[in-house]
Protein backbone atom coordinates (compact mmCIF):
# COMPACT_ATOMS: atom_id res chain seq x y z
CA UNK A 1 41.74 -38.12 254.58
CA UNK A 2 40.93 -37.37 258.35
CA UNK A 3 38.55 -39.87 260.12
CA UNK A 4 35.82 -37.49 260.35
CA UNK A 5 36.07 -36.47 256.59
CA UNK A 6 35.77 -40.29 255.85
CA UNK A 7 32.74 -40.58 258.25
CA UNK A 8 31.16 -37.80 256.63
CA UNK A 9 31.70 -39.14 253.00
CA UNK A 10 30.18 -42.48 254.02
CA UNK A 11 27.31 -41.07 255.58
CA UNK A 12 26.97 -38.82 252.23
CA UNK A 13 27.13 -42.32 250.32
CA UNK A 14 23.79 -43.30 252.73
CA UNK A 15 21.95 -40.38 251.84
CA UNK A 16 22.50 -41.05 248.18
CA UNK A 17 21.71 -44.62 248.21
CA UNK A 18 18.31 -44.29 249.43
CA UNK A 19 17.29 -42.92 246.20
CA UNK A 20 19.33 -45.07 243.85
CA UNK A 21 17.76 -47.77 241.69
CA UNK A 22 20.54 -49.78 242.37
CA UNK A 23 20.62 -48.94 245.91
CA UNK A 24 19.87 -52.56 246.97
CA UNK A 25 22.53 -54.56 244.76
CA UNK A 26 24.94 -51.86 245.82
CA UNK A 27 24.43 -52.51 249.24
CA UNK A 28 25.00 -56.00 248.92
CA UNK A 29 28.24 -55.61 247.29
CA UNK A 30 29.31 -52.75 249.87
CA UNK A 31 28.46 -55.15 252.94
CA UNK A 32 30.22 -58.15 251.16
CA UNK A 33 33.36 -55.83 250.93
CA UNK A 34 33.31 -54.39 254.27
CA UNK A 35 33.20 -57.79 255.52
CA UNK A 36 36.05 -59.17 253.46
CA UNK A 37 38.54 -56.25 252.55
CA UNK A 38 37.26 -52.78 253.47
CA UNK A 39 38.45 -51.12 256.70
CA UNK A 40 35.29 -49.30 257.13
CA UNK A 41 32.12 -49.46 259.29
CA UNK A 42 29.02 -50.19 257.29
CA UNK A 43 26.84 -48.40 259.65
CA UNK A 44 28.05 -45.13 258.77
CA UNK A 45 26.10 -45.94 255.40
CA UNK A 46 23.32 -47.89 256.75
CA UNK A 47 22.02 -45.38 259.28
CA UNK A 48 21.64 -41.96 257.26
CA UNK A 49 19.90 -44.28 254.64
CA UNK A 50 17.84 -45.86 257.21
CA UNK A 51 16.64 -42.33 258.32
CA UNK A 52 15.81 -41.51 254.58
CA UNK A 53 14.10 -44.41 253.64
CA UNK A 54 12.26 -45.69 256.63
CA UNK A 55 9.52 -47.79 254.96
CA UNK A 56 12.27 -50.16 253.88
CA UNK A 57 14.27 -50.42 256.88
CA UNK A 58 14.04 -54.01 257.48
CA UNK A 59 14.64 -54.67 253.86
CA UNK A 60 18.14 -52.77 254.07
CA UNK A 61 18.90 -54.41 256.99
CA UNK A 62 18.26 -57.87 255.39
CA UNK A 63 20.52 -57.13 252.35
CA UNK A 64 23.40 -55.71 254.32
CA UNK A 65 23.06 -59.00 256.42
CA UNK A 66 22.83 -61.22 252.97
CA UNK A 67 26.06 -59.56 251.90
CA UNK A 68 27.74 -60.15 255.07
CA UNK A 69 26.73 -63.92 255.21
CA UNK A 70 27.90 -64.42 251.43
CA UNK A 71 31.37 -62.91 252.49
CA UNK A 72 31.50 -65.15 255.36
CA UNK A 73 31.01 -68.08 253.49
CA UNK A 74 33.85 -67.31 250.79
CA UNK A 75 36.01 -66.26 253.98
CA UNK A 76 35.19 -70.06 255.43
CA UNK A 77 35.83 -71.38 251.96
CA UNK A 78 39.13 -69.52 251.83
CA UNK A 79 40.15 -70.83 255.29
CA UNK A 80 39.36 -74.35 254.40
CA UNK A 81 40.30 -74.90 250.83
CA UNK A 82 43.04 -72.32 250.31
CA UNK A 83 44.57 -71.22 253.65
CA UNK A 84 48.08 -71.81 252.87
CA UNK A 85 48.21 -69.56 249.80
CA UNK A 86 45.47 -67.22 249.74
CA UNK A 87 44.29 -67.13 253.23
CA UNK A 88 47.98 -66.56 254.45
CA UNK A 89 48.18 -63.67 251.94
CA UNK A 90 45.15 -62.12 253.04
CA UNK A 91 46.63 -62.11 256.68
CA UNK A 92 49.67 -60.72 255.79
CA UNK A 93 48.21 -57.86 253.22
CA UNK A 94 45.73 -56.59 255.73
CA UNK A 95 47.95 -56.88 258.90
CA UNK A 96 46.01 -59.36 260.65
CA UNK A 97 48.52 -62.15 261.00
CA UNK A 98 48.72 -61.54 264.75
CA UNK A 99 45.17 -61.16 265.16
CA UNK A 100 44.35 -64.38 263.67
CA UNK A 101 46.76 -66.57 266.12
CA UNK A 102 45.37 -64.78 269.23
CA UNK A 103 41.79 -65.51 267.76
CA UNK A 104 42.65 -69.13 266.84
CA UNK A 105 43.69 -69.77 270.61
CA UNK A 106 40.42 -68.21 271.66
CA UNK A 107 38.39 -69.87 269.03
CA UNK A 108 39.81 -73.31 269.96
CA UNK A 109 38.63 -72.70 273.45
CA UNK A 110 35.39 -70.91 273.05
CA UNK A 111 33.93 -72.09 269.37
CA UNK A 112 30.85 -70.64 268.49
CA UNK A 113 30.98 -67.69 271.28
CA UNK A 114 34.06 -66.55 269.72
CA UNK A 115 32.58 -66.13 266.44
CA UNK A 116 29.52 -64.67 268.03
CA UNK A 117 31.69 -62.05 269.95
CA UNK A 118 33.92 -61.12 266.91
CA UNK A 119 30.74 -60.62 264.69
CA UNK A 120 29.56 -58.08 267.18
CA UNK A 121 32.50 -56.55 268.39
CA UNK A 122 34.26 -53.89 265.99
CA UNK A 123 37.22 -56.06 265.42
CA UNK A 124 38.53 -57.63 262.26
CA UNK A 125 36.13 -60.48 261.30
CA UNK A 126 38.50 -61.88 258.59
CA UNK A 127 40.22 -63.61 261.29
CA UNK A 128 37.01 -65.57 262.40
CA UNK A 129 36.22 -66.66 258.81
CA UNK A 130 39.65 -67.91 258.02
CA UNK A 131 40.18 -69.27 261.33
CA UNK A 132 36.67 -71.21 261.47
CA UNK A 133 37.39 -72.78 257.92
CA UNK A 134 40.75 -73.64 258.59
CA UNK A 135 40.11 -75.35 261.88
CA UNK A 136 37.08 -77.32 260.34
CA UNK A 137 34.72 -75.57 262.75
CA UNK A 138 31.04 -77.02 261.47
CA UNK A 139 29.67 -74.59 259.06
CA UNK A 140 26.04 -74.86 260.43
CA UNK A 141 27.40 -73.21 263.60
CA UNK A 142 29.66 -70.81 262.00
CA UNK A 143 26.63 -69.47 259.73
CA UNK A 144 24.33 -69.62 262.83
CA UNK A 145 26.91 -67.28 264.82
CA UNK A 146 27.38 -64.84 261.86
CA UNK A 147 23.84 -64.27 261.37
CA UNK A 148 22.92 -63.71 265.06
CA UNK A 149 26.11 -61.43 265.42
CA UNK A 150 25.48 -59.18 262.42
CA UNK A 151 21.96 -59.54 262.53
CA UNK A 152 21.87 -58.05 266.11
CA UNK A 153 24.12 -55.14 264.33
CA UNK A 154 22.09 -54.46 261.61
CA UNK A 155 18.46 -54.95 262.84
CA UNK A 156 19.69 -53.31 265.91
CA UNK A 157 20.56 -50.34 263.46
CA UNK A 158 16.83 -50.49 261.94
CA UNK A 159 15.22 -50.52 265.67
CA UNK A 160 17.27 -47.30 266.33
CA UNK A 161 16.17 -45.67 262.96
CA UNK A 162 12.45 -46.64 263.92
CA UNK A 163 12.15 -45.66 267.44
CA UNK A 164 14.41 -42.44 267.63
CA UNK A 165 14.35 -41.12 263.86
CA UNK A 166 16.74 -37.98 263.18
CA UNK A 167 18.11 -38.91 266.59
CA UNK A 168 19.36 -42.13 265.73
CA UNK A 169 22.58 -41.13 264.09
CA UNK A 170 23.86 -39.31 267.22
CA UNK A 171 22.65 -42.30 269.44
CA UNK A 172 24.81 -44.67 267.17
CA UNK A 173 27.63 -42.36 267.33
CA UNK A 174 27.45 -42.38 271.22
CA UNK A 175 26.10 -45.48 272.31
CA UNK A 176 26.27 -48.02 269.39
CA UNK A 177 29.24 -50.30 270.61
CA UNK A 178 27.84 -50.12 274.02
CA UNK A 179 24.35 -51.36 273.05
CA UNK A 180 25.89 -54.16 270.94
CA UNK A 181 28.02 -55.38 273.60
CA UNK A 182 24.70 -55.47 275.79
CA UNK A 183 23.00 -57.24 273.21
CA UNK A 184 25.85 -59.93 273.08
CA UNK A 185 25.46 -60.32 277.06
CA UNK A 186 21.94 -60.68 276.77
CA UNK A 187 22.41 -63.60 274.13
CA UNK A 188 24.93 -65.13 276.58
CA UNK A 189 22.40 -65.03 279.46
CA UNK A 190 19.57 -66.27 277.35
CA UNK A 191 21.71 -69.40 276.42
CA UNK A 192 23.18 -70.11 280.03
CA UNK A 193 19.47 -70.15 281.13
CA UNK A 194 18.16 -72.36 278.23
CA UNK A 195 21.02 -74.87 279.20
CA UNK A 196 20.46 -74.54 282.86
CA UNK A 197 16.47 -75.06 282.42
CA UNK A 198 17.41 -78.28 279.99
CA UNK A 199 19.40 -79.74 282.71
CA UNK A 200 16.96 -79.62 285.25
């Protein structure tokens, strides 16, 4: 199946979910799976759904974030408790072994900011979850980075849908990743300014 067909099928799924009574549990499960095992972008489902169900924009974003956070905690636990068995198997199964090694080096140097960056950018989040758990990175900081990174994505989509309406889908396709990168840079800038002010 071509990438364009996959994209369209996911967008249709988002359209169908807007009227389903099981939409929110389904979204939670989809967000959990997207964070752990599915190589798809959940945004392809979220944007059409948000456009058709604009009164529940913020609820949709929140449920997606909760599904992602639950998956991130599960991945952290695998890294902390089962890395030598299940963790290694997952990395090998999904071809993330090299990405994991590169990320560990980056993670050991930048910590919180590494998790924040990988949560925003379209690169495997599984490496961050396993690395954080395997290296004993503080769980509260991992949770905070995950919430900030994925919250920026999901609530950013909700803002796009609220501000641009039907144009949001084309805006996301054209500018989504750049907008998220700009948001990450803004967060870094705020953190640096706060650190500078606290040092005065």
